[in-house]
Amino acid sequence: MTSTDKAKLAASLLLVAAGLVAFYTLHSLPGVARGAIVLVTVLAALGLMATSDLGGRFRAYAHDSYKEARRVQWPTRKETLQMTGVVLVFVLLLAVFLSVVDWGLSKIVYSYLLNR
């Protein structure tokens, strides 16, 4: 990472910090204006960071991820509903099973404790 990139990242962090300091110190401004200051400083920091090498690598990664997501063959609505139904039935059966096991174990433990 070059010194220019380090300076850009440091400036980005300082921008965000300045926005947060302004938010908490400018009590006389309405909350919307204070929120807008934070939003503007965060957007400016993101813009500055995007011009660094790290920002360029992130943009390339995001672009590659988008291209990869477009190549995915997504399930149809019918397949999605069927799989959702299978998952819900499985969860229901597991909940019933665990409830029965819990009830049975509690009966065993309480009967053991009461007979002592």
PDB file of N, CA and C in Angstrom:
ATOM      1  N   MET A   1       0.849  -1.167   0.000  1.00  0.00           N
ATOM      2  CA  MET A   1       0.000   0.000   0.000  1.00  0.00           C
ATOM      3  C   MET A   1       0.901   1.238   0.000  1.00  0.00           C
ATOM      4  N   THR A   2       0.629   2.123  -0.901  1.00  0.00           N
ATOM      5  CA  THR A   2       1.467   3.317  -1.024  1.00  0.00           C
ATOM      6  C   THR A   2       1.117   4.324   0.064  1.00  0.00           C
ATOM      7  N   SER A   3       1.996   5.289   0.223  1.00  0.00           N
ATOM      8  CA  SER A   3       1.757   6.316   1.243  1.00  0.00           C
ATOM      9  C   SER A   3       0.544   7.175   0.877  1.00  0.00           C
ATOM     10  N   THR A   4       0.290   7.337  -0.417  1.00  0.00           N
ATOM     11  CA  THR A   4      -0.888   8.093  -0.849  1.00  0.00           C
ATOM     12  C   THR A   4      -2.161   7.374  -0.426  1.00  0.00           C
ATOM     13  N   ASP A   5      -2.168   6.043  -0.623  1.00  0.00           N
ATOM     14  CA  ASP A   5      -3.340   5.268  -0.223  1.00  0.00           C
ATOM     15  C   ASP A   5      -3.529   5.312   1.293  1.00  0.00           C
ATOM     16  N   LYS A   6      -2.438   5.245   2.034  1.00  0.00           N
ATOM     17  CA  LYS A   6      -2.536   5.319   3.491  1.00  0.00           C
ATOM     18  C   LYS A   6      -3.093   6.672   3.920  1.00  0.00           C
ATOM     19  N   ALA A   7      -2.644   7.724   3.245  1.00  0.00           N
ATOM     20  CA  ALA A   7      -3.136   9.065   3.565  1.00  0.00           C
ATOM     21  C   ALA A   7      -4.630   9.175   3.246  1.00  0.00           C
ATOM     22  N   LYS A   8      -5.056   8.591   2.130  1.00  0.00           N
ATOM     23  CA  LYS A   8      -6.478   8.632   1.777  1.00  0.00           C
ATOM     24  C   LYS A   8      -7.317   7.878   2.804  1.00  0.00           C
ATOM     25  N   LEU A   9      -6.850   6.718   3.233  1.00  0.00           N
ATOM     26  CA  LEU A   9      -7.589   5.956   4.234  1.00  0.00           C
ATOM     27  C   LEU A   9      -7.622   6.682   5.573  1.00  0.00           C
ATOM     28  N   ALA A  10      -6.512   7.303   5.947  1.00  0.00           N
ATOM     29  CA  ALA A  10      -6.480   8.074   7.192  1.00  0.00           C
ATOM     30  C   ALA A  10      -7.432   9.268   7.110  1.00  0.00           C
ATOM     31  N   ALA A  11      -7.437   9.936   5.960  1.00  0.00           N
ATOM     32  CA  ALA A  11      -8.347  11.072   5.780  1.00  0.00           C
ATOM     33  C   ALA A  11      -9.799  10.610   5.827  1.00  0.00           C
ATOM     34  N   SER A  12     -10.072   9.436   5.296  1.00  0.00           N
ATOM     35  CA  SER A  12     -11.434   8.889   5.345  1.00  0.00           C
ATOM     36  C   SER A  12     -11.861   8.653   6.787  1.00  0.00           C
ATOM     37  N   LEU A  13     -10.974   8.064   7.574  1.00  0.00           N
ATOM     38  CA  LEU A  13     -11.290   7.834   8.981  1.00  0.00           C
ATOM     39  C   LEU A  13     -11.484   9.151   9.729  1.00  0.00           C
ATOM     40  N   LEU A  14     -10.663  10.131   9.409  1.00  0.00           N
ATOM     41  CA  LEU A  14     -10.808  11.441  10.051  1.00  0.00           C
ATOM     42  C   LEU A  14     -12.124  12.113   9.667  1.00  0.00           C
ATOM     43  N   LEU A  15     -12.543  11.943   8.423  1.00  0.00           N
ATOM     44  CA  LEU A  15     -13.833  12.504   7.994  1.00  0.00           C
ATOM     45  C   LEU A  15     -14.979  11.897   8.794  1.00  0.00           C
ATOM     46  N   VAL A  16     -14.965  10.589   8.936  1.00  0.00           N
ATOM     47  CA  VAL A  16     -16.024   9.928   9.703  1.00  0.00           C
ATOM     48  C   VAL A  16     -15.977  10.375  11.159  1.00  0.00           C
ATOM     49  N   ALA A  17     -14.779  10.451  11.725  1.00  0.00           N
ATOM     50  CA  ALA A  17     -14.641  10.907  13.110  1.00  0.00           C
ATOM     51  C   ALA A  17     -15.140  12.338  13.258  1.00  0.00           C
ATOM     52  N   ALA A  18     -14.819  13.191  12.288  1.00  0.00           N
ATOM     53  CA  ALA A  18     -15.278  14.584  12.349  1.00  0.00           C
ATOM     54  C   ALA A  18     -16.799  14.656  12.298  1.00  0.00           C
ATOM     55  N   GLY A  19     -17.402  13.812  11.463  1.00  0.00           N
ATOM     56  CA  GLY A  19     -18.861  13.787  11.395  1.00  0.00           C
ATOM     57  C   GLY A  19     -19.490  13.355  12.706  1.00  0.00           C
ATOM     58  N   LEU A  20     -18.892  12.357  13.354  1.00  0.00           N
ATOM     59  CA  LEU A  20     -19.422  11.899  14.636  1.00  0.00           C
ATOM     60  C   LEU A  20     -19.223  12.939  15.725  1.00  0.00           C
ATOM     61  N   VAL A  21     -18.056  13.592  15.722  1.00  0.00           N
ATOM     62  CA  VAL A  21     -17.815  14.655  16.704  1.00  0.00           C
ATOM     63  C   VAL A  21     -18.809  15.795  16.497  1.00  0.00           C
ATOM     64  N   ALA A  22     -19.051  16.163  15.244  1.00  0.00           N
ATOM     65  CA  ALA A  22     -20.017  17.224  14.959  1.00  0.00           C
ATOM     66  C   ALA A  22     -21.414  16.819  15.425  1.00  0.00           C
ATOM     67  N   PHE A  23     -21.767  15.560  15.228  1.00  0.00           N
ATOM     68  CA  PHE A  23     -23.091  15.094  15.644  1.00  0.00           C
ATOM     69  C   PHE A  23     -23.291  15.256  17.143  1.00  0.00           C
ATOM     70  N   TYR A  24     -22.270  14.898  17.910  1.00  0.00           N
ATOM     71  CA  TYR A  24     -22.424  14.930  19.360  1.00  0.00           C
ATOM     72  C   TYR A  24     -22.137  16.290  19.985  1.00  0.00           C
ATOM     73  N   THR A  25     -21.488  17.205  19.263  1.00  0.00           N
ATOM     74  CA  THR A  25     -21.176  18.501  19.861  1.00  0.00           C
ATOM     75  C   THR A  25     -22.115  19.621  19.420  1.00  0.00           C
ATOM     76  N   LEU A  26     -22.758  19.473  18.294  1.00  0.00           N
ATOM     77  CA  LEU A  26     -23.644  20.536  17.802  1.00  0.00           C
ATOM     78  C   LEU A  26     -25.074  20.283  18.276  1.00  0.00           C
ATOM     79  N   HIS A  27     -25.308  20.432  19.559  1.00  0.00           N
ATOM     80  CA  HIS A  27     -26.616  20.161  20.147  1.00  0.00           C
ATOM     81  C   HIS A  27     -27.667  21.176  19.723  1.00  0.00           C
ATOM     82  N   SER A  28     -27.238  22.365  19.314  1.00  0.00           N
ATOM     83  CA  SER A  28     -28.208  23.405  18.965  1.00  0.00           C
ATOM     84  C   SER A  28     -28.883  23.126  17.617  1.00  0.00           C
ATOM     85  N   LEU A  29     -28.259  22.294  16.777  1.00  0.00           N
ATOM     86  CA  LEU A  29     -28.867  21.965  15.476  1.00  0.00           C
ATOM     87  C   LEU A  29     -29.936  20.893  15.656  1.00  0.00           C
ATOM     88  N   PRO A  30     -30.946  20.902  14.766  1.00  0.00           N
ATOM     89  CA  PRO A  30     -31.950  19.828  14.829  1.00  0.00           C
ATOM     90  C   PRO A  30     -31.306  18.473  14.521  1.00  0.00           C
ATOM     91  N   GLY A  31     -31.950  17.426  14.990  1.00  0.00           N
ATOM     92  CA  GLY A  31     -31.420  16.079  14.799  1.00  0.00           C
ATOM     93  C   GLY A  31     -31.249  15.708  13.343  1.00  0.00           C
ATOM     94  N   VAL A  32     -32.158  16.194  12.493  1.00  0.00           N
ATOM     95  CA  VAL A  32     -32.065  15.884  11.063  1.00  0.00           C
ATOM     96  C   VAL A  32     -30.810  16.490  10.460  1.00  0.00           C
ATOM     97  N   ALA A  33     -30.492  17.723  10.845  1.00  0.00           N
ATOM     98  CA  ALA A  33     -29.296  18.386  10.323  1.00  0.00           C
ATOM     99  C   ALA A  33     -28.033  17.684  10.816  1.00  0.00           C
ATOM    100  N   ARG A  34     -28.035  17.278  12.083  1.00  0.00           N
ATOM    101  CA  ARG A  34     -26.881  16.561  12.616  1.00  0.00           C
ATOM    102  C   ARG A  34     -26.709  15.211  11.916  1.00  0.00           C
ATOM    103  N   GLY A  35     -27.823  14.538  11.660  1.00  0.00           N
ATOM    104  CA  GLY A  35     -27.763  13.272  10.927  1.00  0.00           C
ATOM    105  C   GLY A  35     -27.266  13.475   9.508  1.00  0.00           C
ATOM    106  N   ALA A  36     -27.687  14.581   8.886  1.00  0.00           N
ATOM    107  CA  ALA A  36     -27.238  14.877   7.523  1.00  0.00           C
ATOM    108  C   ALA A  36     -25.733  15.132   7.496  1.00  0.00           C
ATOM    109  N   ILE A  37     -25.208  15.768   8.532  1.00  0.00           N
ATOM    110  CA  ILE A  37     -23.764  16.001   8.599  1.00  0.00           C
ATOM    111  C   ILE A  37     -23.019  14.676   8.635  1.00  0.00           C
ATOM    112  N   VAL A  38     -23.495  13.759   9.453  1.00  0.00           N
ATOM    113  CA  VAL A  38     -22.849  12.449   9.534  1.00  0.00           C
ATOM    114  C   VAL A  38     -22.947  11.732   8.197  1.00  0.00           C
ATOM    115  N   LEU A  39     -24.113  11.770   7.576  1.00  0.00           N
ATOM    116  CA  LEU A  39     -24.299  11.108   6.285  1.00  0.00           C
ATOM    117  C   LEU A  39     -23.368  11.685   5.229  1.00  0.00           C
ATOM    118  N   VAL A  40     -23.257  12.990   5.169  1.00  0.00           N
ATOM    119  CA  VAL A  40     -22.390  13.634   4.178  1.00  0.00           C
ATOM    120  C   VAL A  40     -20.923  13.268   4.423  1.00  0.00           C
ATOM    121  N   THR A  41     -20.513  13.275   5.691  1.00  0.00           N
ATOM    122  CA  THR A  41     -19.110  12.951   5.960  1.00  0.00           C
ATOM    123  C   THR A  41     -18.809  11.488   5.663  1.00  0.00           C
ATOM    124  N   VAL A  42     -19.732  10.602   5.946  1.00  0.00           N
ATOM    125  CA  VAL A  42     -19.519   9.182   5.630  1.00  0.00           C
ATOM    126  C   VAL A  42     -19.471   8.974   4.118  1.00  0.00           C
ATOM    127  N   LEU A  43     -20.371   9.624   3.384  1.00  0.00           N
ATOM    128  CA  LEU A  43     -20.347   9.506   1.923  1.00  0.00           C
ATOM    129  C   LEU A  43     -19.067  10.092   1.340  1.00  0.00           C
ATOM    130  N   ALA A  44     -18.603  11.213   1.894  1.00  0.00           N
ATOM    131  CA  ALA A  44     -17.342  11.797   1.425  1.00  0.00           C
ATOM    132  C   ALA A  44     -16.179  10.859   1.729  1.00  0.00           C
ATOM    133  N   ALA A  45     -16.200  10.227   2.896  1.00  0.00           N
ATOM    134  CA  ALA A  45     -15.138   9.285   3.251  1.00  0.00           C
ATOM    135  C   ALA A  45     -15.151   8.077   2.326  1.00  0.00           C
ATOM    136  N   LEU A  46     -16.335   7.573   2.014  1.00  0.00           N
ATOM    137  CA  LEU A  46     -16.432   6.445   1.078  1.00  0.00           C
ATOM    138  C   LEU A  46     -15.940   6.835  -0.312  1.00  0.00           C
ATOM    139  N   GLY A  47     -16.293   8.042  -0.736  1.00  0.00           N
ATOM    140  CA  GLY A  47     -15.818   8.516  -2.032  1.00  0.00           C
ATOM    141  C   GLY A  47     -14.310   8.644  -2.074  1.00  0.00           C
ATOM    142  N   LEU A  48     -13.733   9.161  -1.005  1.00  0.00           N
ATOM    143  CA  LEU A  48     -12.280   9.292  -0.939  1.00  0.00           C
ATOM    144  C   LEU A  48     -11.617   7.922  -0.887  1.00  0.00           C
ATOM    145  N   MET A  49     -12.192   7.019  -0.112  1.00  0.00           N
ATOM    146  CA  MET A  49     -11.622   5.680  -0.006  1.00  0.00           C
ATOM    147  C   MET A  49     -11.730   4.928  -1.338  1.00  0.00           C
ATOM    148  N   ALA A  50     -12.769   5.206  -2.106  1.00  0.00           N
ATOM    149  CA  ALA A  50     -12.954   4.525  -3.392  1.00  0.00           C
ATOM    150  C   ALA A  50     -11.851   4.873  -4.378  1.00  0.00           C
ATOM    151  N   THR A  51     -11.185   6.013  -4.181  1.00  0.00           N
ATOM    152  CA  THR A  51     -10.111   6.396  -5.099  1.00  0.00           C
ATOM    153  C   THR A  51      -8.777   5.747  -4.739  1.00  0.00           C
ATOM    154  N   SER A  52      -8.726   5.032  -3.606  1.00  0.00           N
ATOM    155  CA  SER A  52      -7.483   4.380  -3.209  1.00  0.00           C
ATOM    156  C   SER A  52      -7.359   3.013  -3.865  1.00  0.00           C
ATOM    157  N   ASP A  53      -6.206   2.393  -3.684  1.00  0.00           N
ATOM    158  CA  ASP A  53      -5.979   1.057  -4.229  1.00  0.00           C
ATOM    159  C   ASP A  53      -6.939   0.050  -3.595  1.00  0.00           C
ATOM    160  N   LEU A  54      -7.160   0.175  -2.306  1.00  0.00           N
ATOM    161  CA  LEU A  54      -8.092  -0.705  -1.617  1.00  0.00           C
ATOM    162  C   LEU A  54      -9.500  -0.565  -2.186  1.00  0.00           C
ATOM    163  N   GLY A  55      -9.907   0.664  -2.452  1.00  0.00           N
ATOM    164  CA  GLY A  55     -11.219   0.906  -3.058  1.00  0.00           C
ATOM    165  C   GLY A  55     -11.319   0.306  -4.443  1.00  0.00           C
ATOM    166  N   GLY A  56     -10.247   0.409  -5.225  1.00  0.00           N
ATOM    167  CA  GLY A  56     -10.239  -0.193  -6.557  1.00  0.00           C
ATOM    168  C   GLY A  56     -10.343  -1.705  -6.499  1.00  0.00           C
ATOM    169  N   ARG A  57      -9.645  -2.301  -5.546  1.00  0.00           N
ATOM    170  CA  ARG A  57      -9.739  -3.758  -5.389  1.00  0.00           C
ATOM    171  C   ARG A  57     -11.135  -4.165  -4.935  1.00  0.00           C
ATOM    172  N   PHE A  58     -11.757  -3.360  -4.068  1.00  0.00           N
ATOM    173  CA  PHE A  58     -13.115  -3.672  -3.634  1.00  0.00           C
ATOM    174  C   PHE A  58     -14.094  -3.569  -4.795  1.00  0.00           C
ATOM    175  N   ARG A  59     -13.943  -2.536  -5.620  1.00  0.00           N
ATOM    176  CA  ARG A  59     -14.825  -2.399  -6.791  1.00  0.00           C
ATOM    177  C   ARG A  59     -14.669  -3.586  -7.727  1.00  0.00           C
ATOM    178  N   ALA A  60     -13.431  -4.043  -7.955  1.00  0.00           N
ATOM    179  CA  ALA A  60     -13.196  -5.206  -8.816  1.00  0.00           C
ATOM    180  C   ALA A  60     -13.831  -6.449  -8.201  1.00  0.00           C
ATOM    181  N   TYR A  61     -13.692  -6.628  -6.892  1.00  0.00           N
ATOM    182  CA  TYR A  61     -14.295  -7.770  -6.209  1.00  0.00           C
ATOM    183  C   TYR A  61     -15.816  -7.726  -6.333  1.00  0.00           C
ATOM    184  N   ALA A  62     -16.407  -6.551  -6.118  1.00  0.00           N
ATOM    185  CA  ALA A  62     -17.858  -6.405  -6.206  1.00  0.00           C
ATOM    186  C   ALA A  62     -18.337  -6.693  -7.632  1.00  0.00           C
ATOM    187  N   HIS A  63     -17.582  -6.218  -8.616  1.00  0.00           N
ATOM    188  CA  HIS A  63     -17.953  -6.468 -10.012  1.00  0.00           C
ATOM    189  C   HIS A  63     -17.886  -7.962 -10.326  1.00  0.00           C
ATOM    190  N   ASP A  64     -16.827  -8.633  -9.880  1.00  0.00           N
ATOM    191  CA  ASP A  64     -16.704 -10.079 -10.111  1.00  0.00           C
ATOM    192  C   ASP A  64     -17.811 -10.844  -9.392  1.00  0.00           C
ATOM    193  N   SER A  65     -18.163 -10.414  -8.194  1.00  0.00           N
ATOM    194  CA  SER A  65     -19.234 -11.070  -7.449  1.00  0.00           C
ATOM    195  C   SER A  65     -20.571 -10.901  -8.164  1.00  0.00           C
ATOM    196  N   TYR A  66     -20.807  -9.722  -8.703  1.00  0.00           N
ATOM    197  CA  TYR A  66     -22.044  -9.473  -9.445  1.00  0.00           C
ATOM    198  C   TYR A  66     -22.112 -10.366 -10.682  1.00  0.00           C
ATOM    199  N   LYS A  67     -20.998 -10.463 -11.417  1.00  0.00           N
ATOM    200  CA  LYS A  67     -20.978 -11.327 -12.601  1.00  0.00           C
ATOM    201  C   LYS A  67     -21.227 -12.788 -12.218  1.00  0.00           C
ATOM    202  N   GLU A  68     -20.632 -13.220 -11.103  1.00  0.00           N
ATOM    203  CA  GLU A  68     -20.814 -14.606 -10.656  1.00  0.00           C
ATOM    204  C   GLU A  68     -22.260 -14.857 -10.246  1.00  0.00           C
ATOM    205  N   ALA A  69     -22.885 -13.899  -9.566  1.00  0.00           N
ATOM    206  CA  ALA A  69     -24.278 -14.057  -9.141  1.00  0.00           C
ATOM    207  C   ALA A  69     -25.214 -14.126 -10.337  1.00  0.00           C
ATOM    208  N   ARG A  70     -24.867 -13.466 -11.423  1.00  0.00           N
ATOM    209  CA  ARG A  70     -25.703 -13.533 -12.625  1.00  0.00           C
ATOM    210  C   ARG A  70     -25.629 -14.900 -13.285  1.00  0.00           C
ATOM    211  N   ARG A  71     -24.531 -15.628 -13.083  1.00  0.00           N
ATOM    212  CA  ARG A  71     -24.381 -16.945 -13.701  1.00  0.00           C
ATOM    213  C   ARG A  71     -25.066 -18.049 -12.913  1.00  0.00           C
ATOM    214  N   VAL A  72     -25.467 -17.739 -11.678  1.00  0.00           N
ATOM    215  CA  VAL A  72     -26.112 -18.743 -10.838  1.00  0.00           C
ATOM    216  C   VAL A  72     -27.481 -19.077 -11.407  1.00  0.00           C
ATOM    217  N   GLN A  73     -27.812 -20.367 -11.410  1.00  0.00           N
ATOM    218  CA  GLN A  73     -29.146 -20.767 -11.851  1.00  0.00           C
ATOM    219  C   GLN A  73     -30.034 -20.822 -10.615  1.00  0.00           C
ATOM    220  N   TRP A  74     -30.865 -19.821 -10.464  1.00  0.00           N
ATOM    221  CA  TRP A  74     -31.715 -19.709  -9.295  1.00  0.00           C
ATOM    222  C   TRP A  74     -32.890 -20.668  -9.422  1.00  0.00           C
ATOM    223  N   PRO A  75     -33.394 -21.201  -8.287  1.00  0.00           N
ATOM    224  CA  PRO A  75     -34.535 -22.127  -8.359  1.00  0.00           C
ATOM    225  C   PRO A  75     -35.804 -21.397  -8.784  1.00  0.00           C
ATOM    226  N   THR A  76     -36.708 -22.185  -9.365  1.00  0.00           N
ATOM    227  CA  THR A  76     -37.991 -21.603  -9.769  1.00  0.00           C
ATOM    228  C   THR A  76     -38.842 -21.376  -8.524  1.00  0.00           C
ATOM    229  N   ARG A  77     -39.936 -20.668  -8.709  1.00  0.00           N
ATOM    230  CA  ARG A  77     -40.838 -20.391  -7.588  1.00  0.00           C
ATOM    231  C   ARG A  77     -41.382 -21.704  -7.019  1.00  0.00           C
ATOM    232  N   LYS A  78     -41.729 -22.636  -7.902  1.00  0.00           N
ATOM    233  CA  LYS A  78     -42.275 -23.917  -7.456  1.00  0.00           C
ATOM    234  C   LYS A  78     -41.240 -24.679  -6.617  1.00  0.00           C
ATOM    235  N   GLU A  79     -39.999 -24.722  -7.078  1.00  0.00           N
ATOM    236  CA  GLU A  79     -38.947 -25.411  -6.333  1.00  0.00           C
ATOM    237  C   GLU A  79     -38.709 -24.755  -4.973  1.00  0.00           C
ATOM    238  N   THR A  80     -38.740 -23.434  -4.957  1.00  0.00           N
ATOM    239  CA  THR A  80     -38.527 -22.705  -3.708  1.00  0.00           C
ATOM    240  C   THR A  80     -39.631 -23.009  -2.700  1.00  0.00           C
ATOM    241  N   LEU A  81     -40.878 -23.003  -3.171  1.00  0.00           N
ATOM    242  CA  LEU A  81     -41.999 -23.297  -2.273  1.00  0.00           C
ATOM    243  C   LEU A  81     -41.943 -24.735  -1.774  1.00  0.00           C
ATOM    244  N   GLN A  82     -41.567 -25.674  -2.641  1.00  0.00           N
ATOM    245  CA  GLN A  82     -41.464 -27.069  -2.219  1.00  0.00           C
ATOM    246  C   GLN A  82     -40.391 -27.245  -1.158  1.00  0.00           C
ATOM    247  N   MET A  83     -39.235 -26.653  -1.371  1.00  0.00           N
ATOM    248  CA  MET A  83     -38.146 -26.784  -0.399  1.00  0.00           C
ATOM    249  C   MET A  83     -38.498 -26.088   0.918  1.00  0.00           C
ATOM    250  N   THR A  84     -39.188 -24.967   0.831  1.00  0.00           N
ATOM    251  CA  THR A  84     -39.621 -24.274   2.044  1.00  0.00           C
ATOM    252  C   THR A  84     -40.587 -25.153   2.828  1.00  0.00           C
ATOM    253  N   GLY A  85     -41.502 -25.805   2.120  1.00  0.00           N
ATOM    254  CA  GLY A  85     -42.437 -26.724   2.772  1.00  0.00           C
ATOM    255  C   GLY A  85     -41.722 -27.871   3.452  1.00  0.00           C
ATOM    256  N   VAL A  86     -40.718 -28.448   2.779  1.00  0.00           N
ATOM    257  CA  VAL A  86     -39.951 -29.547   3.366  1.00  0.00           C
ATOM    258  C   VAL A  86     -39.248 -29.076   4.633  1.00  0.00           C
ATOM    259  N   VAL A  87     -38.650 -27.907   4.589  1.00  0.00           N
ATOM    260  CA  VAL A  87     -37.944 -27.380   5.762  1.00  0.00           C
ATOM    261  C   VAL A  87     -38.925 -27.139   6.911  1.00  0.00           C
ATOM    262  N   LEU A  88     -40.074 -26.559   6.628  1.00  0.00           N
ATOM    263  CA  LEU A  88     -41.049 -26.282   7.685  1.00  0.00           C
ATOM    264  C   LEU A  88     -41.570 -27.576   8.312  1.00  0.00           C
ATOM    265  N   VAL A  89     -41.844 -28.589   7.498  1.00  0.00           N
ATOM    266  CA  VAL A  89     -42.308 -29.874   8.036  1.00  0.00           C
ATOM    267  C   VAL A  89     -41.222 -30.493   8.907  1.00  0.00           C
ATOM    268  N   PHE A  90     -39.972 -30.450   8.448  1.00  0.00           N
ATOM    269  CA  PHE A  90     -38.874 -31.001   9.231  1.00  0.00           C
ATOM    270  C   PHE A  90     -38.729 -30.276  10.562  1.00  0.00           C
ATOM    271  N   VAL A  91     -38.816 -28.959  10.540  1.00  0.00           N
ATOM    272  CA  VAL A  91     -38.697 -28.177  11.778  1.00  0.00           C
ATOM    273  C   VAL A  91     -39.845 -28.517  12.730  1.00  0.00           C
ATOM    274  N   LEU A  92     -41.054 -28.661  12.201  1.00  0.00           N
ATOM    275  CA  LEU A  92     -42.199 -29.009  13.030  1.00  0.00           C
ATOM    276  C   LEU A  92     -42.011 -30.390  13.666  1.00  0.00           C
ATOM    277  N   LEU A  93     -41.582 -31.373  12.863  1.00  0.00           N
ATOM    278  CA  LEU A  93     -41.355 -32.716  13.390  1.00  0.00           C
ATOM    279  C   LEU A  93     -40.244 -32.717  14.438  1.00  0.00           C
ATOM    280  N   LEU A  94     -39.193 -31.985  14.203  1.00  0.00           N
ATOM    281  CA  LEU A  94     -38.107 -31.910  15.168  1.00  0.00           C
ATOM    282  C   LEU A  94     -38.566 -31.245  16.465  1.00  0.00           C
ATOM    283  N   ALA A  95     -39.396 -30.213  16.352  1.00  0.00           N
ATOM    284  CA  ALA A  95     -39.919 -29.546  17.549  1.00  0.00           C
ATOM    285  C   ALA A  95     -40.788 -30.494  18.359  1.00  0.00           C
ATOM    286  N   VAL A  96     -41.633 -31.273  17.683  1.00  0.00           N
ATOM    287  CA  VAL A  96     -42.474 -32.247  18.386  1.00  0.00           C
ATOM    288  C   VAL A  96     -41.600 -33.303  19.053  1.00  0.00           C
ATOM    289  N   PHE A  97     -40.615 -33.809  18.331  1.00  0.00           N
ATOM    290  CA  PHE A  97     -39.720 -34.829  18.882  1.00  0.00           C
ATOM    291  C   PHE A  97     -38.992 -34.314  20.119  1.00  0.00           C
ATOM    292  N   LEU A  98     -38.425 -33.104  20.024  1.00  0.00           N
ATOM    293  CA  LEU A  98     -37.700 -32.548  21.160  1.00  0.00           C
ATOM    294  C   LEU A  98     -38.630 -32.261  22.335  1.00  0.00           C
ATOM    295  N   SER A  99     -39.864 -31.875  22.062  1.00  0.00           N
ATOM    296  CA  SER A  99     -40.827 -31.647  23.138  1.00  0.00           C
ATOM    297  C   SER A  99     -41.138 -32.947  23.860  1.00  0.00           C
ATOM    298  N   VAL A 100     -41.333 -34.029  23.109  1.00  0.00           N
ATOM    299  CA  VAL A 100     -41.608 -35.333  23.717  1.00  0.00           C
ATOM    300  C   VAL A 100     -40.408 -35.801  24.540  1.00  0.00           C
ATOM    301  N   VAL A 101     -39.204 -35.659  24.002  1.00  0.00           N
ATOM    302  CA  VAL A 101     -38.001 -36.058  24.733  1.00  0.00           C
ATOM    303  C   VAL A 101     -37.869 -35.230  26.008  1.00  0.00           C
ATOM    304  N   ASP A 102     -38.088 -33.928  25.919  1.00  0.00           N
ATOM    305  CA  ASP A 102     -37.993 -33.056  27.087  1.00  0.00           C
ATOM    306  C   ASP A 102     -39.025 -33.442  28.136  1.00  0.00           C
ATOM    307  N   TRP A 103     -40.255 -33.696  27.708  1.00  0.00           N
ATOM    308  CA  TRP A 103     -41.305 -34.098  28.633  1.00  0.00           C
ATOM    309  C   TRP A 103     -40.937 -35.408  29.315  1.00  0.00           C
ATOM    310  N   GLY A 104     -40.463 -36.363  28.516  1.00  0.00           N
ATOM    311  CA  GLY A 104     -40.093 -37.669  29.079  1.00  0.00           C
ATOM    312  C   GLY A 104     -38.947 -37.563  30.062  1.00  0.00           C
ATOM    313  N   LEU A 105     -37.926 -36.819  29.722  1.00  0.00           N
ATOM    314  CA  LEU A 105     -36.789 -36.661  30.643  1.00  0.00           C
ATOM    315  C   LEU A 105     -37.196 -35.934  31.920  1.00  0.00           C
ATOM    316  N   SER A 106     -38.061 -34.938  31.789  1.00  0.00           N
ATOM    317  CA  SER A 106     -38.500 -34.225  32.992  1.00  0.00           C
ATOM    318  C   SER A 106     -39.307 -35.151  33.890  1.00  0.00           C
ATOM    319  N   LYS A 107     -40.143 -36.022  33.318  1.00  0.00           N
ATOM    320  CA  LYS A 107     -40.895 -36.991  34.127  1.00  0.00           C
ATOM    321  C   LYS A 107     -39.950 -37.942  34.848  1.00  0.00           C
ATOM    322  N   ILE A 108     -38.917 -38.402  34.151  1.00  0.00           N
ATOM    323  CA  ILE A 108     -37.953 -39.325  34.754  1.00  0.00           C
ATOM    324  C   ILE A 108     -37.199 -38.639  35.885  1.00  0.00           C
ATOM    325  N   VAL A 109     -36.727 -37.437  35.642  1.00  0.00           N
ATOM    326  CA  VAL A 109     -35.947 -36.718  36.654  1.00  0.00           C
ATOM    327  C   VAL A 109     -36.805 -36.384  37.864  1.00  0.00           C
ATOM    328  N   TYR A 110     -38.025 -35.873  37.659  1.00  0.00           N
ATOM    329  CA  TYR A 110     -38.879 -35.515  38.789  1.00  0.00           C
ATOM    330  C   TYR A 110     -39.319 -36.743  39.578  1.00  0.00           C
ATOM    331  N   SER A 111     -39.603 -37.845  38.892  1.00  0.00           N
ATOM    332  CA  SER A 111     -39.980 -39.059  39.623  1.00  0.00           C
ATOM    333  C   SER A 111     -38.800 -39.588  40.420  1.00  0.00           C
ATOM    334  N   TYR A 112     -37.598 -39.462  39.892  1.00  0.00           N
ATOM    335  CA  TYR A 112     -36.401 -39.900  40.626  1.00  0.00           C
ATOM    336  C   TYR A 112     -36.181 -39.031  41.864  1.00  0.00           C
ATOM    337  N   LEU A 113     -36.350 -37.700  41.690  1.00  0.00           N
ATOM    338  CA  LEU A 113     -36.140 -36.783  42.814  1.00  0.00           C
ATOM    339  C   LEU A 113     -37.204 -36.930  43.883  1.00  0.00           C
ATOM    340  N   LEU A 114     -38.452 -37.208  43.487  1.00  0.00           N
ATOM    341  CA  LEU A 114     -39.533 -37.338  44.450  1.00  0.00           C
ATOM    342  C   LEU A 114     -39.472 -38.649  45.222  1.00  0.00           C
ATOM    343  N   ASN A 115     -38.880 -39.676  44.636  1.00  0.00           N
ATOM    344  CA  ASN A 115     -38.782 -40.974  45.294  1.00  0.00           C
ATOM    345  C   ASN A 115     -37.558 -41.098  46.178  1.00  0.00           C
ATOM    346  N   ARG A 116     -36.767 -40.099  46.247  1.00  0.00           N
ATOM    347  CA  ARG A 116     -35.564 -40.146  47.098  1.00  0.00           C
ATOM    348  C   ARG A 116     -35.868 -39.855  48.508  1.00  0.00           C
TER     349      ARG A 116
END
